[in-house]
Amino acid sequence: MRIEQQLQTTPRTPVYVAWERFVHGEDDLDGVRPEVAISWQRSRDVYRIDPFLSEAPNAVSPTMSSLDQDVVFAELGFCAAAMAHEVASAGGVVTIADANGRIVAAWGDKNTRSVATEGGLAPWYSWSESAVGTNSMGTALETRRAVMIKQSEHWLQAFHSWSCGAIAVREVVNGEPLAVLNISCWGGDLPLSARKWLESSATHTQKSLRRRAHDGGNELLAAYSHARGRSNEPMVAVDTAGAVVIADDIASVILGVPGNTPAIDPVVRWTPQLPPFIHAARYATKRANVDPGWTGSTQIFTPLVDEPSSIGIRPVFLQKNLIGHLISFGAFAGEHFPQAETGGVLLGHSRRVVALREENRMVMLATSEVTMAEMEGNEVWLLTDEGRLRAALSGLDKLEHDLSDTGTFLRVHRQYLVNLSRIREVERKEKGELVLIMDDAAKTVVPVSRRNNRAVRRALNI
């Protein structure tokens, strides 16, 4: 059946009626799920995707492959092949796409795949949100949970006869997507087992990545120990996202992290309380991924001195895969780059935090309007100048990562992220524990964990 014939069967559901209004410029999203409404907003106002495209565009070029990505493709390939028979019997297609939404493999019913290919649901076509708007693969790359997109929720009208579900597999260290696994069924609903199967496949694959990241942590620790024997400069080993694996006594004071305390497991690594340092490490990651022989240095301001301090950066590899860096204070190496090149100085001024209202509206908040963020179950709630709102992002770690370059947000507890500029009072308990009192009308009280006590004291100069 051709795409034009499919469109004639699109039912006029409330979601389809809302889609018709929205693509023609109206903003009434009544009855549309928040995650879909947010994606529609991006599709129309940010990416400006034509909703009447008849097929997905060809992918421009393949993504540079990493060892982690190869592992993910192999793991997901086994999962997809195992599921192919069940999906085929339901008139469906299973696909795997890379981090840019480019489909690299497809399995399923031959007839359904023929229909799918007409719309570009096949290898070498791009399904990122920036290419085709709201769809399970592209939208899953924008979030950290399984995404189910049913018929008229797709941005492209040509896919209103499809129901799809997808989940992204992400790097353990920096949270960036590596690949996305997807199920698409034409003319009906997804199998009841679809979400559970997607989540199980992603969890299985993430375990493999976590083992590799743990091996990387051990290698960073070994490289640090070897380098410390040949240098007297303050030194720290960080992963590719800038999180600390181990720091000596002096470097730990500069960064506000525990000294000589290894954090091999990527889940428990320390976050430096010095945003310019994090930006420099991430800039080094970008450069070293392109040029394995790269080394570099820059200058950053630290709490201990009024003058900028030099840091030298040397990347560390494991089986030709970048796993992190050794960074020495007071050292110089390779390319000298100013902090402006890392983006660390400029990004915080234009940062926005997206929140959701109950009536399916998005609220674009300036960082100064957010007092704190609190994790409740799988959701993040924001205390803002407009009241208590649910964050569009899932996971406090993701929000902390996105706001790390503002220089004003600090993780004070596993459940709380606070805006340092919105702290009104600090209370010291009998055993030395700190409690923060925020500047909102209710004077919200936020506990500080023992692990973060020292970082808070340094950030507030108390």
Protein backbone atom coordinates (compact mmCIF):
# COMPACT_ATOMS: atom_id res chain seq x y z
CA MET A 1 0.00 0.00 0.00
CA ARG A 2 1.43 3.39 -0.95
CA ILE A 3 1.75 6.34 1.44
CA GLU A 4 -1.09 8.25 -0.25
CA GLN A 5 -3.47 5.32 0.38
CA GLN A 6 -2.38 5.11 4.02
CA LEU A 7 -3.37 8.72 4.64
CA GLN A 8 -6.97 8.06 3.64
CA THR A 9 -7.37 5.66 6.58
CA THR A 10 -6.10 8.04 9.29
CA PRO A 11 -8.81 8.24 11.98
CA ARG A 12 -9.89 11.69 13.20
CA THR A 13 -9.06 11.09 16.84
CA PRO A 14 -8.72 13.99 19.34
CA VAL A 15 -4.94 13.77 18.96
CA TYR A 16 -5.22 13.98 15.17
CA VAL A 17 -7.50 17.04 15.47
CA ALA A 18 -4.95 18.66 17.83
CA TRP A 19 -2.18 17.80 15.34
CA GLU A 20 -4.13 19.48 12.51
CA ARG A 21 -4.55 22.65 14.56
CA PHE A 22 -0.95 22.68 15.75
CA VAL A 23 0.68 22.23 12.32
CA HIS A 24 -1.38 25.20 11.12
CA GLY A 25 -0.05 27.49 13.84
CA GLU A 26 -2.45 27.09 16.77
CA ASP A 27 -1.05 26.25 20.22
CA ASP A 28 -3.95 24.31 21.74
CA LEU A 29 -2.53 20.92 22.76
CA ASP A 30 -5.46 19.70 24.83
CA GLY A 31 -5.42 15.90 25.07
CA VAL A 32 -1.82 15.53 23.84
CA ARG A 33 0.68 13.80 26.13
CA PRO A 34 3.36 16.20 27.51
CA GLU A 35 6.35 14.38 25.96
CA VAL A 36 4.61 14.45 22.58
CA ALA A 37 3.61 18.11 22.98
CA ILE A 38 7.21 19.07 23.75
CA SER A 39 8.43 17.15 20.71
CA TRP A 40 5.80 18.76 18.47
CA GLN A 41 6.97 22.15 19.70
CA ARG A 42 10.55 21.35 18.73
CA SER A 43 9.44 19.92 15.38
CA ARG A 44 7.46 23.02 14.43
CA ASP A 45 9.28 25.93 16.06
CA VAL A 46 12.90 24.75 16.36
CA TYR A 47 13.49 22.28 13.52
CA ARG A 48 10.71 23.64 11.25
CA ILE A 49 9.96 20.22 9.79
CA ASP A 50 7.35 20.03 7.02
CA PRO A 51 4.67 17.72 8.52
CA PHE A 52 3.58 16.69 5.02
CA LEU A 53 6.89 15.11 3.96
CA SER A 54 6.15 11.77 2.32
CA GLU A 55 9.34 10.04 3.49
CA ALA A 56 12.37 10.40 5.73
CA PRO A 57 15.49 11.93 4.15
CA ASN A 58 18.61 9.96 3.33
CA ALA A 59 21.26 10.07 6.04
CA VAL A 60 24.05 12.47 5.11
CA SER A 61 26.98 10.39 6.34
CA PRO A 62 27.72 7.62 8.82
CA THR A 63 28.64 8.49 12.40
CA MET A 64 32.25 7.90 13.47
CA SER A 65 32.18 4.51 15.16
CA SER A 66 33.61 3.89 18.64
CA LEU A 67 34.36 0.61 20.36
CA ASP A 68 31.44 1.19 22.76
CA GLN A 69 29.11 1.79 19.81
CA ASP A 70 30.27 -1.41 18.12
CA VAL A 71 29.53 -3.32 21.34
CA VAL A 72 26.05 -1.78 21.52
CA PHE A 73 25.23 -2.59 17.89
CA ALA A 74 26.28 -6.21 18.42
CA GLU A 75 24.26 -6.57 21.66
CA LEU A 76 21.14 -4.93 20.20
CA GLY A 77 21.48 -6.95 17.02
CA PHE A 78 21.14 -10.19 19.00
CA CYS A 79 18.08 -8.78 20.82
CA ALA A 80 16.44 -7.60 17.59
CA ALA A 81 17.01 -10.90 15.78
CA ALA A 82 15.44 -12.75 18.71
CA MET A 83 12.38 -10.50 18.61
CA ALA A 84 12.03 -10.41 14.83
CA HIS A 85 9.72 -13.44 14.55
CA GLU A 86 7.21 -12.16 17.10
CA VAL A 87 7.21 -8.69 15.55
CA ALA A 88 6.85 -10.07 12.03
CA SER A 89 3.76 -12.06 13.02
CA ALA A 90 2.21 -8.81 14.27
CA GLY A 91 3.00 -6.99 11.02
CA GLY A 92 5.96 -5.12 12.44
CA VAL A 93 9.55 -4.08 11.83
CA VAL A 94 12.47 -3.90 14.26
CA THR A 95 15.20 -1.35 13.54
CA ILE A 96 18.45 -0.19 15.08
CA ALA A 97 19.67 3.37 14.50
CA ASP A 98 22.84 5.17 15.51
CA ALA A 99 23.19 8.23 17.75
CA ASN A 100 22.14 10.50 14.88
CA GLY A 101 18.96 8.56 14.14
CA ARG A 102 20.43 6.88 11.04
CA ILE A 103 18.96 3.39 10.65
CA VAL A 104 21.71 0.78 10.30
CA ALA A 105 19.69 -2.46 10.31
CA ALA A 106 16.08 -3.70 10.04
CA TRP A 107 14.24 -7.01 10.63
CA GLY A 108 10.63 -8.10 10.24
CA ASP A 109 7.79 -9.09 7.93
CA LYS A 110 8.77 -8.77 4.26
CA ASN A 111 5.51 -7.10 3.17
CA THR A 112 5.53 -4.64 6.07
CA ARG A 113 9.16 -3.81 5.41
CA SER A 114 8.23 -3.04 1.81
CA VAL A 115 5.62 -0.52 3.00
CA ALA A 116 8.06 0.86 5.55
CA THR A 117 10.77 1.39 2.94
CA GLU A 118 8.46 3.67 0.93
CA GLY A 119 8.43 6.07 3.87
CA GLY A 120 12.12 5.70 4.65
CA LEU A 121 11.83 3.28 7.59
CA ALA A 122 14.85 1.33 6.34
CA PRO A 123 18.66 1.39 6.50
CA TRP A 124 20.49 4.58 5.51
CA TYR A 125 17.49 6.86 6.22
CA SER A 126 17.57 9.45 9.01
CA TRP A 127 14.95 9.45 11.81
CA SER A 128 16.37 12.08 14.12
CA GLU A 129 13.86 14.65 15.38
CA SER A 130 15.71 17.36 13.48
CA ALA A 131 15.09 15.40 10.26
CA VAL A 132 11.48 14.18 10.58
CA GLY A 133 10.09 15.59 13.82
CA THR A 134 8.31 13.51 16.46
CA ASN A 135 8.91 9.77 16.09
CA SER A 136 9.91 6.99 18.47
CA MET A 137 13.57 6.76 17.42
CA GLY A 138 14.34 10.47 17.22
CA THR A 139 12.36 11.34 20.34
CA ALA A 140 13.95 8.47 22.32
CA LEU A 141 17.34 10.00 21.55
CA GLU A 142 16.11 13.14 23.35
CA THR A 143 15.04 11.38 26.55
CA ARG A 144 16.16 8.67 28.96
CA ARG A 145 13.20 6.30 28.88
CA ALA A 146 11.29 4.22 26.38
CA VAL A 147 9.19 6.37 24.05
CA MET A 148 5.94 5.08 22.56
CA ILE A 149 4.50 7.11 19.66
CA LYS A 150 1.07 6.06 18.45
CA GLN A 151 -0.25 6.94 15.00
CA SER A 152 -1.31 10.63 14.96
CA GLU A 153 1.33 11.48 17.55
CA HIS A 154 3.92 11.24 14.76
CA TRP A 155 4.85 14.63 13.34
CA LEU A 156 4.86 13.34 9.76
CA GLN A 157 1.31 12.74 8.52
CA ALA A 158 2.72 10.01 6.30
CA PHE A 159 3.30 7.89 9.42
CA HIS A 160 -0.08 8.33 11.09
CA SER A 161 -0.87 4.70 10.29
CA TRP A 162 2.10 3.49 12.35
CA SER A 163 2.55 2.81 16.05
CA CYS A 164 6.15 2.78 17.22
CA GLY A 165 8.23 2.33 20.37
CA ALA A 166 11.93 2.92 20.95
CA ILE A 167 14.58 3.24 23.63
CA ALA A 168 18.07 4.72 23.46
CA VAL A 169 21.19 3.09 24.87
CA ARG A 170 23.58 5.68 26.30
CA GLU A 171 27.19 5.93 27.32
CA VAL A 172 27.54 5.17 31.02
CA VAL A 173 30.01 7.98 31.65
CA ASN A 174 28.56 11.05 29.93
CA GLY A 175 25.01 9.94 29.14
CA GLU A 176 25.32 10.62 25.42
CA PRO A 177 23.29 8.26 23.16
CA LEU A 178 25.08 5.52 21.25
CA ALA A 179 22.18 3.78 19.50
CA VAL A 180 18.41 3.35 19.58
CA LEU A 181 16.31 0.18 19.33
CA ASN A 182 12.87 0.52 17.75
CA ILE A 183 9.69 -1.47 16.98
CA SER A 184 7.20 -0.20 14.40
CA CYS A 185 3.82 -1.75 13.56
CA TRP A 186 1.68 -0.65 10.64
CA GLY A 187 -2.10 -0.34 10.93
CA GLY A 188 -2.44 -1.28 14.60
CA ASP A 189 -1.04 -1.20 18.11
CA LEU A 190 2.33 -2.47 19.28
CA PRO A 191 2.48 -5.88 20.98
CA LEU A 192 1.72 -5.63 24.70
CA SER A 193 5.24 -6.86 25.44
CA ALA A 194 6.91 -4.09 23.40
CA ARG A 195 7.80 -1.66 26.20
CA LYS A 196 9.06 -4.39 28.53
CA TRP A 197 11.13 -5.96 25.74
CA LEU A 198 12.68 -2.61 24.82
CA GLU A 199 13.55 -1.81 28.43
CA SER A 200 15.00 -5.29 29.05
CA SER A 201 17.15 -5.08 25.90
CA ALA A 202 18.49 -1.65 26.88
CA THR A 203 19.19 -2.77 30.46
CA HIS A 204 21.08 -5.84 29.24
CA THR A 205 23.19 -3.71 26.90
CA GLN A 206 23.85 -1.04 29.54
CA LYS A 207 25.30 -3.74 31.82
CA SER A 208 27.92 -4.51 29.18
CA LEU A 209 28.76 -0.82 28.89
CA ARG A 210 28.99 -0.45 32.66
CA ARG A 211 31.50 -3.32 32.84
CA ARG A 212 33.58 -1.58 30.17
CA ALA A 213 33.36 1.75 32.04
CA HIS A 214 34.48 -0.01 35.23
CA ASP A 215 37.49 -1.41 33.35
CA GLY A 216 38.18 2.12 32.14
CA GLY A 217 38.14 3.36 35.73
CA ASN A 218 40.72 0.77 36.73
CA GLU A 219 42.91 1.76 33.78
CA LEU A 220 42.65 5.46 34.73
CA LEU A 221 43.65 4.61 38.29
CA ALA A 222 46.68 2.66 37.02
CA ALA A 223 47.70 5.50 34.69
CA TYR A 224 47.36 7.99 37.55
CA SER A 225 49.51 5.86 39.90
CA HIS A 226 52.20 5.51 37.23
CA ALA A 227 52.22 9.26 36.46
CA ARG A 228 52.28 10.26 40.16
CA GLY A 229 55.54 8.39 40.54
CA ARG A 230 57.16 10.70 37.99
CA SER A 231 55.64 14.08 38.93
CA ASN A 232 55.24 16.28 42.01
CA GLU A 233 52.49 18.44 40.50
CA PRO A 234 48.92 18.23 41.89
CA MET A 235 47.15 15.67 39.70
CA VAL A 236 43.69 14.27 39.07
CA ALA A 237 42.33 11.49 36.82
CA VAL A 238 38.95 12.22 35.22
CA ASP A 239 36.68 10.35 32.84
CA THR A 240 35.57 11.72 29.47
CA ALA A 241 32.77 13.78 31.09
CA GLY A 242 35.12 15.41 33.60
CA ALA A 243 34.04 13.35 36.65
CA VAL A 244 36.87 12.54 39.08
CA VAL A 245 38.14 8.97 39.40
CA ILE A 246 40.91 9.95 41.84
CA ALA A 247 42.64 13.15 42.94
CA ASP A 248 45.62 13.76 45.21
CA ASP A 249 45.30 15.84 48.40
CA ILE A 250 46.03 19.22 46.80
CA ALA A 251 43.93 18.67 43.66
CA SER A 252 41.02 17.43 45.80
CA VAL A 253 40.97 20.69 47.76
CA ILE A 254 40.99 22.72 44.53
CA LEU A 255 38.13 20.69 43.05
CA GLY A 256 36.06 20.19 46.22
CA VAL A 257 36.14 16.39 46.08
CA PRO A 258 37.47 13.71 48.49
CA GLY A 259 41.23 13.20 48.33
CA ASN A 260 42.91 9.91 47.45
CA THR A 261 39.54 8.17 47.31
CA PRO A 262 39.20 6.03 44.14
CA ALA A 263 35.82 6.05 42.39
CA ILE A 264 36.15 3.23 39.88
CA ASP A 265 32.42 2.69 39.38
CA PRO A 266 31.10 5.35 36.96
CA VAL A 267 27.93 5.74 39.03
CA VAL A 268 29.78 7.04 42.11
CA ARG A 269 32.48 9.25 40.59
CA TRP A 270 32.98 12.72 42.05
CA THR A 271 31.71 15.90 40.36
CA PRO A 272 34.27 18.75 40.53
CA GLN A 273 32.86 21.94 42.05
CA LEU A 274 34.73 23.99 39.46
CA PRO A 275 32.75 24.36 36.18
CA PRO A 276 35.69 25.72 34.08
CA PHE A 277 37.62 22.55 34.95
CA ILE A 278 34.74 20.37 33.71
CA HIS A 279 34.51 22.38 30.48
CA ALA A 280 38.24 21.97 29.87
CA ALA A 281 38.01 18.20 30.36
CA ARG A 282 35.07 17.92 27.96
CA TYR A 283 36.85 20.06 25.38
CA ALA A 284 39.83 17.70 25.68
CA THR A 285 37.51 14.75 25.08
CA LYS A 286 36.27 16.27 21.82
CA ARG A 287 39.79 16.98 20.61
CA ALA A 288 41.26 13.61 21.62
CA ASN A 289 38.42 11.71 19.93
CA VAL A 290 39.45 13.37 16.67
CA ASP A 291 43.22 13.30 17.25
CA PRO A 292 44.46 10.48 19.57
CA GLY A 293 47.86 12.18 19.86
CA TRP A 294 46.40 15.43 21.19
CA THR A 295 47.52 17.03 24.47
CA GLY A 296 46.61 20.49 25.70
CA SER A 297 46.65 23.12 28.40
CA THR A 298 44.60 26.10 29.50
CA GLN A 299 44.20 28.42 32.47
CA ILE A 300 41.34 28.43 34.98
CA PHE A 301 40.56 30.37 38.14
CA THR A 302 40.57 28.31 41.34
CA PRO A 303 39.36 29.19 44.85
CA LEU A 304 42.88 29.14 46.31
CA VAL A 305 44.52 32.00 44.38
CA ASP A 306 43.48 35.26 42.70
CA GLU A 307 45.45 34.54 39.54
CA PRO A 308 44.47 31.89 36.94
CA SER A 309 46.21 28.53 37.28
CA SER A 310 47.54 26.49 34.38
CA ILE A 311 46.38 22.89 33.84
CA GLY A 312 47.96 20.36 31.50
CA ILE A 313 45.82 17.59 30.01
CA ARG A 314 46.95 14.20 28.73
CA PRO A 315 44.31 11.80 27.32
CA VAL A 316 44.28 8.14 28.40
CA PHE A 317 43.22 5.31 26.06
CA LEU A 318 42.24 1.68 26.59
CA GLN A 319 42.31 -0.51 23.47
CA LYS A 320 42.33 2.66 21.32
CA ASN A 321 39.17 3.86 23.09
CA LEU A 322 39.38 7.19 24.94
CA ILE A 323 38.50 6.62 28.62
CA GLY A 324 39.56 9.88 30.26
CA HIS A 325 42.42 12.25 31.06
CA LEU A 326 45.24 12.91 33.51
CA ILE A 327 45.15 16.60 34.44
CA SER A 328 48.02 18.29 36.28
CA PHE A 329 47.85 21.71 37.94
CA GLY A 330 50.74 24.04 37.12
CA ALA A 331 51.64 22.05 33.99
CA PHE A 332 51.71 22.92 30.30
CA ALA A 333 51.23 20.51 27.38
CA GLY A 334 50.54 20.61 23.66
CA GLU A 335 47.84 22.96 22.36
CA HIS A 336 47.13 25.99 24.52
CA PHE A 337 43.44 26.78 24.32
CA PRO A 338 41.53 29.66 25.96
CA GLN A 339 38.49 28.80 28.10
CA ALA A 340 36.19 30.53 25.60
CA GLU A 341 36.86 27.69 23.12
CA THR A 342 35.35 25.15 25.50
CA GLY A 343 32.09 27.05 25.67
CA GLY A 344 32.33 27.15 29.46
CA VAL A 345 32.16 30.89 29.89
CA LEU A 346 29.32 31.65 27.53
CA LEU A 347 26.69 28.94 27.78
CA GLY A 348 25.30 29.71 31.23
CA HIS A 349 23.87 33.09 30.25
CA SER A 350 21.34 31.70 27.76
CA ARG A 351 20.46 28.44 29.54
CA ARG A 352 16.79 27.67 29.96
CA VAL A 353 15.09 25.03 32.06
CA VAL A 354 11.95 23.44 30.57
CA ALA A 355 9.09 22.59 32.93
CA LEU A 356 5.58 21.21 32.37
CA ARG A 357 2.21 22.50 33.53
CA GLU A 358 -0.71 20.18 34.24
CA GLU A 359 -2.59 21.49 31.20
CA ASN A 360 0.19 20.19 28.92
CA ARG A 361 1.92 23.54 28.56
CA MET A 362 5.65 24.02 28.61
CA VAL A 363 7.24 26.72 30.74
CA MET A 364 10.62 28.09 29.65
CA LEU A 365 12.37 29.19 32.85
CA ALA A 366 15.52 31.24 33.24
CA THR A 367 17.97 29.52 35.59
CA SER A 368 17.54 32.41 38.05
CA GLU A 369 13.85 31.47 38.37
CA VAL A 370 14.65 27.96 39.61
CA THR A 371 15.29 27.70 43.35
CA MET A 372 15.98 23.97 43.52
CA ALA A 373 15.22 20.59 41.97
CA GLU A 374 14.07 17.51 43.86
CA MET A 375 14.02 13.89 42.71
CA GLU A 376 10.83 11.97 43.53
CA GLY A 377 10.82 8.43 42.17
CA ASN A 378 11.53 8.73 38.44
CA GLU A 379 10.45 12.36 38.17
CA VAL A 380 12.19 15.67 38.91
CA TRP A 381 10.18 18.49 40.49
CA LEU A 382 11.31 22.12 40.31
CA LEU A 383 10.68 24.77 42.94
CA THR A 384 10.34 27.90 40.82
CA ASP A 385 9.08 31.47 40.97
CA GLU A 386 5.95 30.14 39.22
CA GLY A 387 5.34 27.41 41.78
CA ARG A 388 6.19 23.72 41.88
CA LEU A 389 6.51 22.32 38.35
CA ARG A 390 7.58 18.99 36.89
CA ALA A 391 10.81 19.11 34.88
CA ALA A 392 10.65 18.00 31.26
CA LEU A 393 13.89 16.07 31.75
CA SER A 394 13.84 12.72 33.52
CA GLY A 395 16.58 12.20 36.07
CA LEU A 396 18.38 14.62 38.38
CA ASP A 397 21.75 13.54 36.96
CA LYS A 398 20.72 14.78 33.51
CA LEU A 399 19.55 18.14 34.88
CA GLU A 400 22.77 18.51 36.89
CA HIS A 401 24.79 17.76 33.74
CA ASP A 402 22.86 20.30 31.66
CA LEU A 403 23.25 23.04 34.28
CA SER A 404 26.86 22.33 35.19
CA ASP A 405 28.16 25.18 33.04
CA THR A 406 26.02 27.86 34.75
CA GLY A 407 28.27 27.86 37.81
CA THR A 408 25.30 28.44 40.16
CA PHE A 409 23.80 24.96 40.64
CA LEU A 410 25.25 22.44 43.06
CA ARG A 411 24.26 18.87 43.92
CA VAL A 412 23.95 18.87 47.72
CA HIS A 413 22.24 15.50 48.15
CA ARG A 414 21.36 12.55 45.94
CA GLN A 415 17.79 13.92 45.85
CA TYR A 416 18.49 17.68 45.68
CA LEU A 417 20.10 20.15 43.28
CA VAL A 418 20.05 23.76 44.50
CA ASN A 419 20.63 27.20 43.02
CA LEU A 420 23.41 28.64 45.21
CA SER A 421 22.17 32.18 44.60
CA ARG A 422 18.77 31.28 46.10
CA ILE A 423 20.10 30.08 49.49
CA ARG A 424 18.94 32.44 52.27
CA GLU A 425 20.30 30.72 55.40
CA VAL A 426 22.59 27.87 56.41
CA GLU A 427 21.94 25.99 59.63
CA ARG A 428 24.56 23.83 61.34
CA LYS A 429 23.25 20.85 63.31
CA GLU A 430 24.76 19.31 66.44
CA LYS A 431 26.87 16.75 64.60
CA GLY A 432 28.07 19.21 61.97
CA GLU A 433 25.42 18.46 59.35
CA LEU A 434 24.33 21.39 57.21
CA VAL A 435 20.77 22.35 56.33
CA LEU A 436 20.00 24.94 53.66
CA ILE A 437 17.02 27.29 53.89
CA MET A 438 15.99 28.59 50.48
CA ASP A 439 14.65 32.08 49.73
CA ASP A 440 11.15 31.03 48.60
CA ALA A 441 8.07 32.14 50.59
CA ALA A 442 7.83 28.76 52.36
CA LYS A 443 11.54 28.88 53.33
CA THR A 444 12.04 25.35 52.03
CA VAL A 445 14.59 23.31 53.98
CA VAL A 446 17.11 21.20 52.05
CA PRO A 447 19.43 18.70 53.77
CA VAL A 448 23.10 18.44 52.78
CA SER A 449 24.54 14.91 52.65
CA ARG A 450 27.81 14.17 54.42
CA ARG A 451 29.43 13.47 51.07
CA ASN A 452 28.58 16.98 49.81
CA ASN A 453 29.15 18.89 53.06
CA ARG A 454 32.64 20.04 52.15
CA ALA A 455 31.67 21.10 48.62
CA VAL A 456 28.81 23.24 49.97
CA ARG A 457 31.09 24.93 52.49
CA ARG A 458 33.59 25.77 49.79
CA ALA A 459 30.92 27.02 47.38
CA LEU A 460 29.45 29.32 50.04
CA ASN A 461 32.81 30.29 51.53
CA ILE A 462 31.81 29.22 55.04
